[in-house]
Amino acid sequence: DDSLPPLSAAISPLTTRPVLAVPLPSATLSPLQALEA
């Protein structure tokens, strides 16, 4: 979401487990911006 945009990219190099990201639109983030984040 808008408070944690790079979290999935930050966690994935730290683990060998799958990282699943779900973009969530918010009051400050459109669906497309959430996907980009």
PDB file of all heavy atoms in Angstrom:
ATOM      1  N   ASP A   1       0.859  -1.179   0.000  1.00  0.00           N
ATOM      2  CA  ASP A   1       0.000   0.000   0.000  1.00  0.00           C
ATOM      3  C   ASP A   1       0.895   1.229   0.000  1.00  0.00           C
ATOM      4  O   ASP A   1       2.101   1.127  -0.160  1.00  0.00           O
ATOM      5  CB  ASP A   1      -0.989  -0.017   1.165  1.00  0.00           C
ATOM      6  CG  ASP A   1      -0.304   0.076   2.527  1.00  0.00           C
ATOM      7  OD1 ASP A   1       0.890   0.427   2.577  1.00  0.00           O
ATOM      8  OD2 ASP A   1      -0.960  -0.195   3.533  1.00  0.00           O
ATOM      9  N   ASP A   2       0.313   2.412   0.180  1.00  0.00           N
ATOM     10  CA  ASP A   2       1.115   3.621   0.067  1.00  0.00           C
ATOM     11  C   ASP A   2       2.136   3.768   1.190  1.00  0.00           C
ATOM     12  O   ASP A   2       3.098   4.511   1.065  1.00  0.00           O
ATOM     13  CB  ASP A   2       0.222   4.860  -0.019  1.00  0.00           C
ATOM     14  CG  ASP A   2      -0.748   4.975   1.150  1.00  0.00           C
ATOM     15  OD1 ASP A   2      -1.005   3.954   1.813  1.00  0.00           O
ATOM     16  OD2 ASP A   2      -1.256   6.073   1.382  1.00  0.00           O
ATOM     17  N   SER A   3       1.990   3.047   2.299  1.00  0.00           N
ATOM     18  CA  SER A   3       2.961   3.172   3.389  1.00  0.00           C
ATOM     19  C   SER A   3       4.136   2.213   3.231  1.00  0.00           C
ATOM     20  O   SER A   3       5.159   2.400   3.866  1.00  0.00           O
ATOM     21  CB  SER A   3       2.276   2.943   4.741  1.00  0.00           C
ATOM     22  OG  SER A   3       1.799   1.621   4.814  1.00  0.00           O
ATOM     23  N   LEU A   4       3.998   1.177   2.384  1.00  0.00           N
ATOM     24  CA  LEU A   4       5.047   0.173   2.247  1.00  0.00           C
ATOM     25  C   LEU A   4       5.372  -0.150   0.791  1.00  0.00           C
ATOM     26  O   LEU A   4       5.485  -1.299   0.430  1.00  0.00           O
ATOM     27  CB  LEU A   4       4.616  -1.130   2.950  1.00  0.00           C
ATOM     28  CG  LEU A   4       4.220  -1.020   4.404  1.00  0.00           C
ATOM     29  CD1 LEU A   4       3.587  -2.317   4.877  1.00  0.00           C
ATOM     30  CD2 LEU A   4       5.417  -0.686   5.259  1.00  0.00           C
ATOM     31  N   PRO A   5       5.532   0.826  -0.079  1.00  0.00           N
ATOM     32  CA  PRO A   5       5.681   0.486  -1.492  1.00  0.00           C
ATOM     33  C   PRO A   5       6.832  -0.452  -1.828  1.00  0.00           C
ATOM     34  O   PRO A   5       6.643  -1.359  -2.599  1.00  0.00           O
ATOM     35  CB  PRO A   5       5.833   1.823  -2.201  1.00  0.00           C
ATOM     36  CG  PRO A   5       5.637   2.866  -1.197  1.00  0.00           C
ATOM     37  CD  PRO A   5       5.503   2.245   0.145  1.00  0.00           C
ATOM     38  N   PRO A   6       8.037  -0.310  -1.279  1.00  0.00           N
ATOM     39  CA  PRO A   6       9.118  -1.176  -1.735  1.00  0.00           C
ATOM     40  C   PRO A   6       9.313  -2.429  -0.882  1.00  0.00           C
ATOM     41  O   PRO A   6      10.294  -3.127  -1.022  1.00  0.00           O
ATOM     42  CB  PRO A   6      10.344  -0.278  -1.625  1.00  0.00           C
ATOM     43  CG  PRO A   6      10.029   0.628  -0.483  1.00  0.00           C
ATOM     44  CD  PRO A   6       8.523   0.785  -0.486  1.00  0.00           C
ATOM     45  N   LEU A   7       8.399  -2.751   0.007  1.00  0.00           N
ATOM     46  CA  LEU A   7       8.607  -3.838   0.951  1.00  0.00           C
ATOM     47  C   LEU A   7       8.817  -5.182   0.274  1.00  0.00           C
ATOM     48  O   LEU A   7       9.720  -5.939   0.649  1.00  0.00           O
ATOM     49  CB  LEU A   7       7.446  -3.923   1.938  1.00  0.00           C
ATOM     50  CG  LEU A   7       7.606  -4.909   3.085  1.00  0.00           C
ATOM     51  CD1 LEU A   7       8.860  -4.595   3.889  1.00  0.00           C
ATOM     52  CD2 LEU A   7       6.396  -4.863   3.973  1.00  0.00           C
ATOM     53  N   SER A   8       8.017  -5.522  -0.715  1.00  0.00           N
ATOM     54  CA  SER A   8       8.176  -6.824  -1.373  1.00  0.00           C
ATOM     55  C   SER A   8       9.546  -6.943  -2.029  1.00  0.00           C
ATOM     56  O   SER A   8      10.191  -7.984  -1.944  1.00  0.00           O
ATOM     57  CB  SER A   8       7.060  -7.059  -2.384  1.00  0.00           C
ATOM     58  OG  SER A   8       7.029  -6.021  -3.337  1.00  0.00           O
ATOM     59  N   ALA A   9      10.004  -5.886  -2.667  1.00  0.00           N
ATOM     60  CA  ALA A   9      11.327  -5.904  -3.294  1.00  0.00           C
ATOM     61  C   ALA A   9      12.434  -5.936  -2.256  1.00  0.00           C
ATOM     62  O   ALA A   9      13.514  -6.468  -2.501  1.00  0.00           O
ATOM     63  CB  ALA A   9      11.487  -4.693  -4.204  1.00  0.00           C
ATOM     64  N   ALA A  10      12.199  -5.373  -1.077  1.00  0.00           N
ATOM     65  CA  ALA A  10      13.212  -5.380  -0.021  1.00  0.00           C
ATOM     66  C   ALA A  10      13.324  -6.745   0.647  1.00  0.00           C
ATOM     67  O   ALA A  10      14.399  -7.159   1.057  1.00  0.00           O
ATOM     68  CB  ALA A  10      12.879  -4.315   1.025  1.00  0.00           C
ATOM     69  N   ILE A  11      12.207  -7.470   0.746  1.00  0.00           N
ATOM     70  CA  ILE A  11      12.212  -8.761   1.441  1.00  0.00           C
ATOM     71  C   ILE A  11      12.678  -9.896   0.548  1.00  0.00           C
ATOM     72  O   ILE A  11      13.345 -10.808   1.009  1.00  0.00           O
ATOM     73  CB  ILE A  11      10.797  -9.051   1.990  1.00  0.00           C
ATOM     74  CG1 ILE A  11      10.492  -8.023   3.034  1.00  0.00           C
ATOM     75  CG2 ILE A  11      10.657 -10.469   2.465  1.00  0.00           C
ATOM     76  CD1 ILE A  11       9.779  -8.413   4.241  1.00  0.00           C
ATOM     77  N   SER A  12      12.344  -9.863  -0.730  1.00  0.00           N
ATOM     78  CA  SER A  12      12.626 -11.000  -1.604  1.00  0.00           C
ATOM     79  C   SER A  12      14.103 -11.400  -1.676  1.00  0.00           C
ATOM     80  O   SER A  12      14.387 -12.588  -1.740  1.00  0.00           O
ATOM     81  CB  SER A  12      12.043 -10.786  -2.993  1.00  0.00           C
ATOM     82  OG  SER A  12      12.640  -9.696  -3.630  1.00  0.00           O
ATOM     83  N   PRO A  13      15.067 -10.485  -1.622  1.00  0.00           N
ATOM     84  CA  PRO A  13      16.458 -10.957  -1.668  1.00  0.00           C
ATOM     85  C   PRO A  13      16.927 -11.574  -0.343  1.00  0.00           C
ATOM     86  O   PRO A  13      17.988 -12.183  -0.290  1.00  0.00           O
ATOM     87  CB  PRO A  13      17.274  -9.707  -1.988  1.00  0.00           C
ATOM     88  CG  PRO A  13      16.423  -8.560  -1.622  1.00  0.00           C
ATOM     89  CD  PRO A  13      15.009  -9.032  -1.733  1.00  0.00           C
ATOM     90  N   LEU A  14      16.125 -11.442   0.705  1.00  0.00           N
ATOM     91  CA  LEU A  14      16.513 -11.943   2.020  1.00  0.00           C
ATOM     92  C   LEU A  14      16.013 -13.357   2.289  1.00  0.00           C
ATOM     93  O   LEU A  14      16.283 -13.907   3.351  1.00  0.00           O
ATOM     94  CB  LEU A  14      15.984 -11.006   3.116  1.00  0.00           C
ATOM     95  CG  LEU A  14      16.413  -9.539   2.997  1.00  0.00           C
ATOM     96  CD1 LEU A  14      15.738  -8.706   4.070  1.00  0.00           C
ATOM     97  CD2 LEU A  14      17.928  -9.424   3.064  1.00  0.00           C
ATOM     98  N   THR A  15      15.272 -13.936   1.349  1.00  0.00           N
ATOM     99  CA  THR A  15      14.687 -15.254   1.580  1.00  0.00           C
ATOM    100  C   THR A  15      14.701 -16.071   0.301  1.00  0.00           C
ATOM    101  O   THR A  15      14.765 -15.519  -0.793  1.00  0.00           O
ATOM    102  CB  THR A  15      13.235 -15.128   2.106  1.00  0.00           C
ATOM    103  OG1 THR A  15      12.725 -16.432   2.375  1.00  0.00           O
ATOM    104  CG2 THR A  15      12.337 -14.405   1.130  1.00  0.00           C
ATOM    105  N   THR A  16      14.665 -17.381   0.463  1.00  0.00           N
ATOM    106  CA  THR A  16      14.523 -18.261  -0.697  1.00  0.00           C
ATOM    107  C   THR A  16      13.063 -18.670  -0.869  1.00  0.00           C
ATOM    108  O   THR A  16      12.729 -19.372  -1.804  1.00  0.00           O
ATOM    109  CB  THR A  16      15.379 -19.532  -0.528  1.00  0.00           C
ATOM    110  OG1 THR A  16      14.970 -20.203   0.675  1.00  0.00           O
ATOM    111  CG2 THR A  16      16.851 -19.188  -0.473  1.00  0.00           C
ATOM    112  N   ARG A  17      12.212 -18.208   0.019  1.00  0.00           N
ATOM    113  CA  ARG A  17      10.785 -18.532  -0.057  1.00  0.00           C
ATOM    114  C   ARG A  17      10.076 -17.586  -1.028  1.00  0.00           C
ATOM    115  O   ARG A  17      10.525 -16.465  -1.248  1.00  0.00           O
ATOM    116  CB  ARG A  17      10.159 -18.429   1.319  1.00  0.00           C
ATOM    117  CG  ARG A  17      10.757 -19.457   2.247  1.00  0.00           C
ATOM    118  CD  ARG A  17      10.209 -19.365   3.623  1.00  0.00           C
ATOM    119  NE  ARG A  17      10.936 -20.302   4.454  1.00  0.00           N
ATOM    120  CZ  ARG A  17      10.375 -21.037   5.377  1.00  0.00           C
ATOM    121  NH1 ARG A  17       9.096 -20.930   5.616  1.00  0.00           N
ATOM    122  NH2 ARG A  17      11.102 -21.870   6.075  1.00  0.00           N
ATOM    123  N   PRO A  18       8.949 -18.028  -1.578  1.00  0.00           N
ATOM    124  CA  PRO A  18       8.219 -17.153  -2.498  1.00  0.00           C
ATOM    125  C   PRO A  18       7.701 -15.911  -1.772  1.00  0.00           C
ATOM    126  O   PRO A  18       7.277 -15.986  -0.625  1.00  0.00           O
ATOM    127  CB  PRO A  18       7.042 -18.014  -2.960  1.00  0.00           C
ATOM    128  CG  PRO A  18       7.374 -19.405  -2.576  1.00  0.00           C
ATOM    129  CD  PRO A  18       8.333 -19.339  -1.438  1.00  0.00           C
ATOM    130  N   VAL A  19       7.766 -14.783  -2.455  1.00  0.00           N
ATOM    131  CA  VAL A  19       7.212 -13.534  -1.935  1.00  0.00           C
ATOM    132  C   VAL A  19       6.042 -13.169  -2.839  1.00  0.00           C
ATOM    133  O   VAL A  19       6.194 -13.042  -4.047  1.00  0.00           O
ATOM    134  CB  VAL A  19       8.270 -12.407  -1.922  1.00  0.00           C
ATOM    135  CG1 VAL A  19       7.646 -11.093  -1.478  1.00  0.00           C
ATOM    136  CG2 VAL A  19       9.442 -12.783  -1.029  1.00  0.00           C
ATOM    137  N   LEU A  20       4.864 -13.016  -2.232  1.00  0.00           N
ATOM    138  CA  LEU A  20       3.656 -12.681  -2.975  1.00  0.00           C
ATOM    139  C   LEU A  20       3.253 -11.259  -2.621  1.00  0.00           C
ATOM    140  O   LEU A  20       3.121 -10.929  -1.451  1.00  0.00           O
ATOM    141  CB  LEU A  20       2.514 -13.640  -2.606  1.00  0.00           C
ATOM    142  CG  LEU A  20       2.819 -15.139  -2.698  1.00  0.00           C
ATOM    143  CD1 LEU A  20       1.610 -15.944  -2.244  1.00  0.00           C
ATOM    144  CD2 LEU A  20       3.241 -15.525  -4.086  1.00  0.00           C
ATOM    145  N   ALA A  21       3.068 -10.420  -3.614  1.00  0.00           N
ATOM    146  CA  ALA A  21       2.679  -9.027  -3.384  1.00  0.00           C
ATOM    147  C   ALA A  21       1.269  -8.797  -3.920  1.00  0.00           C
ATOM    148  O   ALA A  21       0.918  -9.263  -4.996  1.00  0.00           O
ATOM    149  CB  ALA A  21       3.661  -8.088  -4.076  1.00  0.00           C
ATOM    150  N   VAL A  22       0.476  -8.069  -3.146  1.00  0.00           N
ATOM    151  CA  VAL A  22      -0.886  -7.704  -3.551  1.00  0.00           C
ATOM    152  C   VAL A  22      -0.992  -6.184  -3.536  1.00  0.00           C
ATOM    153  O   VAL A  22      -0.947  -5.570  -2.479  1.00  0.00           O
ATOM    154  CB  VAL A  22      -1.941  -8.305  -2.599  1.00  0.00           C
ATOM    155  CG1 VAL A  22      -3.339  -7.865  -3.014  1.00  0.00           C
ATOM    156  CG2 VAL A  22      -1.836  -9.813  -2.563  1.00  0.00           C
ATOM    157  N   PRO A  23      -1.092  -5.548  -4.699  1.00  0.00           N
ATOM    158  CA  PRO A  23      -1.245  -4.098  -4.732  1.00  0.00           C
ATOM    159  C   PRO A  23      -2.635  -3.683  -4.231  1.00  0.00           C
ATOM    160  O   PRO A  23      -3.636  -4.210  -4.688  1.00  0.00           O
ATOM    161  CB  PRO A  23      -1.097  -3.740  -6.212  1.00  0.00           C
ATOM    162  CG  PRO A  23      -0.685  -4.988  -6.906  1.00  0.00           C
ATOM    163  CD  PRO A  23      -1.003  -6.138  -6.018  1.00  0.00           C
ATOM    164  N   LEU A  24      -2.665  -2.764  -3.274  1.00  0.00           N
ATOM    165  CA  LEU A  24      -3.934  -2.273  -2.739  1.00  0.00           C
ATOM    166  C   LEU A  24      -4.048  -0.777  -2.974  1.00  0.00           C
ATOM    167  O   LEU A  24      -3.227  -0.005  -2.488  1.00  0.00           O
ATOM    168  CB  LEU A  24      -4.024  -2.551  -1.231  1.00  0.00           C
ATOM    169  CG  LEU A  24      -4.112  -4.010  -0.823  1.00  0.00           C
ATOM    170  CD1 LEU A  24      -4.130  -4.117   0.692  1.00  0.00           C
ATOM    171  CD2 LEU A  24      -5.339  -4.666  -1.410  1.00  0.00           C
ATOM    172  N   PRO A  25      -5.065  -0.366  -3.724  1.00  0.00           N
ATOM    173  CA  PRO A  25      -5.277   1.069  -3.897  1.00  0.00           C
ATOM    174  C   PRO A  25      -5.708   1.679  -2.560  1.00  0.00           C
ATOM    175  O   PRO A  25      -6.232   0.994  -1.691  1.00  0.00           O
ATOM    176  CB  PRO A  25      -6.401   1.151  -4.928  1.00  0.00           C
ATOM    177  CG  PRO A  25      -7.009  -0.193  -4.996  1.00  0.00           C
ATOM    178  CD  PRO A  25      -6.034  -1.176  -4.435  1.00  0.00           C
ATOM    179  N   SER A  26      -5.433   2.960  -2.398  1.00  0.00           N
ATOM    180  CA  SER A  26      -5.810   3.643  -1.153  1.00  0.00           C
ATOM    181  C   SER A  26      -6.249   5.063  -1.502  1.00  0.00           C
ATOM    182  O   SER A  26      -6.332   5.434  -2.667  1.00  0.00           O
ATOM    183  CB  SER A  26      -4.616   3.666  -0.201  1.00  0.00           C
ATOM    184  OG  SER A  26      -3.594   4.483  -0.735  1.00  0.00           O
ATOM    185  N   ALA A  27      -6.476   5.846  -0.471  1.00  0.00           N
ATOM    186  CA  ALA A  27      -6.892   7.230  -0.698  1.00  0.00           C
ATOM    187  C   ALA A  27      -5.819   8.022  -1.440  1.00  0.00           C
ATOM    188  O   ALA A  27      -6.121   8.954  -2.174  1.00  0.00           O
ATOM    189  CB  ALA A  27      -7.218   7.895   0.628  1.00  0.00           C
ATOM    190  N   THR A  28      -4.561   7.645  -1.249  1.00  0.00           N
ATOM    191  CA  THR A  28      -3.469   8.390  -1.882  1.00  0.00           C
ATOM    192  C   THR A  28      -2.825   7.646  -3.047  1.00  0.00           C
ATOM    193  O   THR A  28      -1.928   8.175  -3.682  1.00  0.00           O
ATOM    194  CB  THR A  28      -2.372   8.715  -0.852  1.00  0.00           C
ATOM    195  OG1 THR A  28      -1.881   7.501  -0.297  1.00  0.00           O
ATOM    196  CG2 THR A  28      -2.913   9.605   0.251  1.00  0.00           C
ATOM    197  N   LEU A  29      -3.277   6.422  -3.315  1.00  0.00           N
ATOM    198  CA  LEU A  29      -2.664   5.605  -4.363  1.00  0.00           C
ATOM    199  C   LEU A  29      -3.751   5.038  -5.275  1.00  0.00           C
ATOM    200  O   LEU A  29      -4.647   4.333  -4.808  1.00  0.00           O
ATOM    201  CB  LEU A  29      -1.922   4.445  -3.692  1.00  0.00           C
ATOM    202  CG  LEU A  29      -0.544   4.057  -4.180  1.00  0.00           C
ATOM    203  CD1 LEU A  29       0.426   5.219  -4.032  1.00  0.00           C
ATOM    204  CD2 LEU A  29      -0.026   2.874  -3.412  1.00  0.00           C
ATOM    205  N   SER A  30      -3.667   5.351  -6.562  1.00  0.00           N
ATOM    206  CA  SER A  30      -4.616   4.777  -7.517  1.00  0.00           C
ATOM    207  C   SER A  30      -4.272   3.294  -7.707  1.00  0.00           C
ATOM    208  O   SER A  30      -3.183   2.858  -7.327  1.00  0.00           O
ATOM    209  CB  SER A  30      -4.507   5.505  -8.861  1.00  0.00           C
ATOM    210  OG  SER A  30      -3.293   5.142  -9.510  1.00  0.00           O
ATOM    211  N   PRO A  31      -5.164   2.508  -8.306  1.00  0.00           N
ATOM    212  CA  PRO A  31      -4.829   1.104  -8.553  1.00  0.00           C
ATOM    213  C   PRO A  31      -3.540   0.939  -9.356  1.00  0.00           C
ATOM    214  O   PRO A  31      -2.723   0.082  -9.052  1.00  0.00           O
ATOM    215  CB  PRO A  31      -6.047   0.579  -9.324  1.00  0.00           C
ATOM    216  CG  PRO A  31      -7.179   1.433  -8.848  1.00  0.00           C
ATOM    217  CD  PRO A  31      -6.557   2.797  -8.644  1.00  0.00           C
ATOM    218  N   LEU A  32      -3.342   1.772 -10.382  1.00  0.00           N
ATOM    219  CA  LEU A  32      -2.122   1.670 -11.181  1.00  0.00           C
ATOM    220  C   LEU A  32      -0.882   2.020 -10.361  1.00  0.00           C
ATOM    221  O   LEU A  32       0.147   1.353 -10.449  1.00  0.00           O
ATOM    222  CB  LEU A  32      -2.211   2.573 -12.411  1.00  0.00           C
ATOM    223  CG  LEU A  32      -1.022   2.506 -13.372  1.00  0.00           C
ATOM    224  CD1 LEU A  32      -0.753   1.077 -13.834  1.00  0.00           C
ATOM    225  CD2 LEU A  32      -1.249   3.414 -14.558  1.00  0.00           C
ATOM    226  N   GLN A  33      -0.971   3.051  -9.521  1.00  0.00           N
ATOM    227  CA  GLN A  33       0.164   3.408  -8.662  1.00  0.00           C
ATOM    228  C   GLN A  33       0.460   2.296  -7.653  1.00  0.00           C
ATOM    229  O   GLN A  33       1.621   2.017  -7.359  1.00  0.00           O
ATOM    230  CB  GLN A  33      -0.114   4.723  -7.935  1.00  0.00           C
ATOM    231  CG  GLN A  33      -0.099   5.930  -8.851  1.00  0.00           C
ATOM    232  CD  GLN A  33      -0.629   7.173  -8.155  1.00  0.00           C
ATOM    233  OE1 GLN A  33      -1.571   7.116  -7.369  1.00  0.00           O
ATOM    234  NE2 GLN A  33      -0.017   8.317  -8.461  1.00  0.00           N
ATOM    235  N   ALA A  34      -0.573   1.660  -7.141  1.00  0.00           N
ATOM    236  CA  ALA A  34      -0.380   0.542  -6.212  1.00  0.00           C
ATOM    237  C   ALA A  34       0.330  -0.606  -6.921  1.00  0.00           C
ATOM    238  O   ALA A  34       1.240  -1.229  -6.356  1.00  0.00           O
ATOM    239  CB  ALA A  34      -1.718   0.075  -5.650  1.00  0.00           C
ATOM    240  N   LEU A  35      -0.055  -0.868  -8.167  1.00  0.00           N
ATOM    241  CA  LEU A  35       0.608  -1.920  -8.949  1.00  0.00           C
ATOM    242  C   LEU A  35       2.066  -1.564  -9.187  1.00  0.00           C
ATOM    243  O   LEU A  35       2.959  -2.396  -9.024  1.00  0.00           O
ATOM    244  CB  LEU A  35      -0.121  -2.131 -10.272  1.00  0.00           C
ATOM    245  CG  LEU A  35       0.474  -3.175 -11.211  1.00  0.00           C
ATOM    246  CD1 LEU A  35       0.463  -4.552 -10.554  1.00  0.00           C
ATOM    247  CD2 LEU A  35      -0.293  -3.198 -12.516  1.00  0.00           C
ATOM    248  N   GLU A  36       2.335  -0.324  -9.549  1.00  0.00           N
ATOM    249  CA  GLU A  36       3.719   0.113  -9.760  1.00  0.00           C
ATOM    250  C   GLU A  36       4.535  -0.003  -8.478  1.00  0.00           C
ATOM    251  O   GLU A  36       5.700  -0.396  -8.504  1.00  0.00           O
ATOM    252  CB  GLU A  36       3.752   1.547 -10.282  1.00  0.00           C
ATOM    253  CG  GLU A  36       3.246   1.668 -11.705  1.00  0.00           C
ATOM    254  CD  GLU A  36       3.058   3.118 -12.149  1.00  0.00           C
ATOM    255  OE1 GLU A  36       3.063   4.034 -11.290  1.00  0.00           O
ATOM    256  OE2 GLU A  36       2.898   3.329 -13.358  1.00  0.00           O
ATOM    257  N   ALA A  37       3.942   0.310  -7.328  1.00  0.00           N
ATOM    258  CA  ALA A  37       4.645   0.216  -6.054  1.00  0.00           C
ATOM    259  C   ALA A  37       4.986  -1.230  -5.714  1.00  0.00           C
ATOM    260  O   ALA A  37       6.036  -1.511  -5.143  1.00  0.00           O
ATOM    261  CB  ALA A  37       3.793   0.827  -4.937  1.00  0.00           C
TER     262      ALA A  37
END
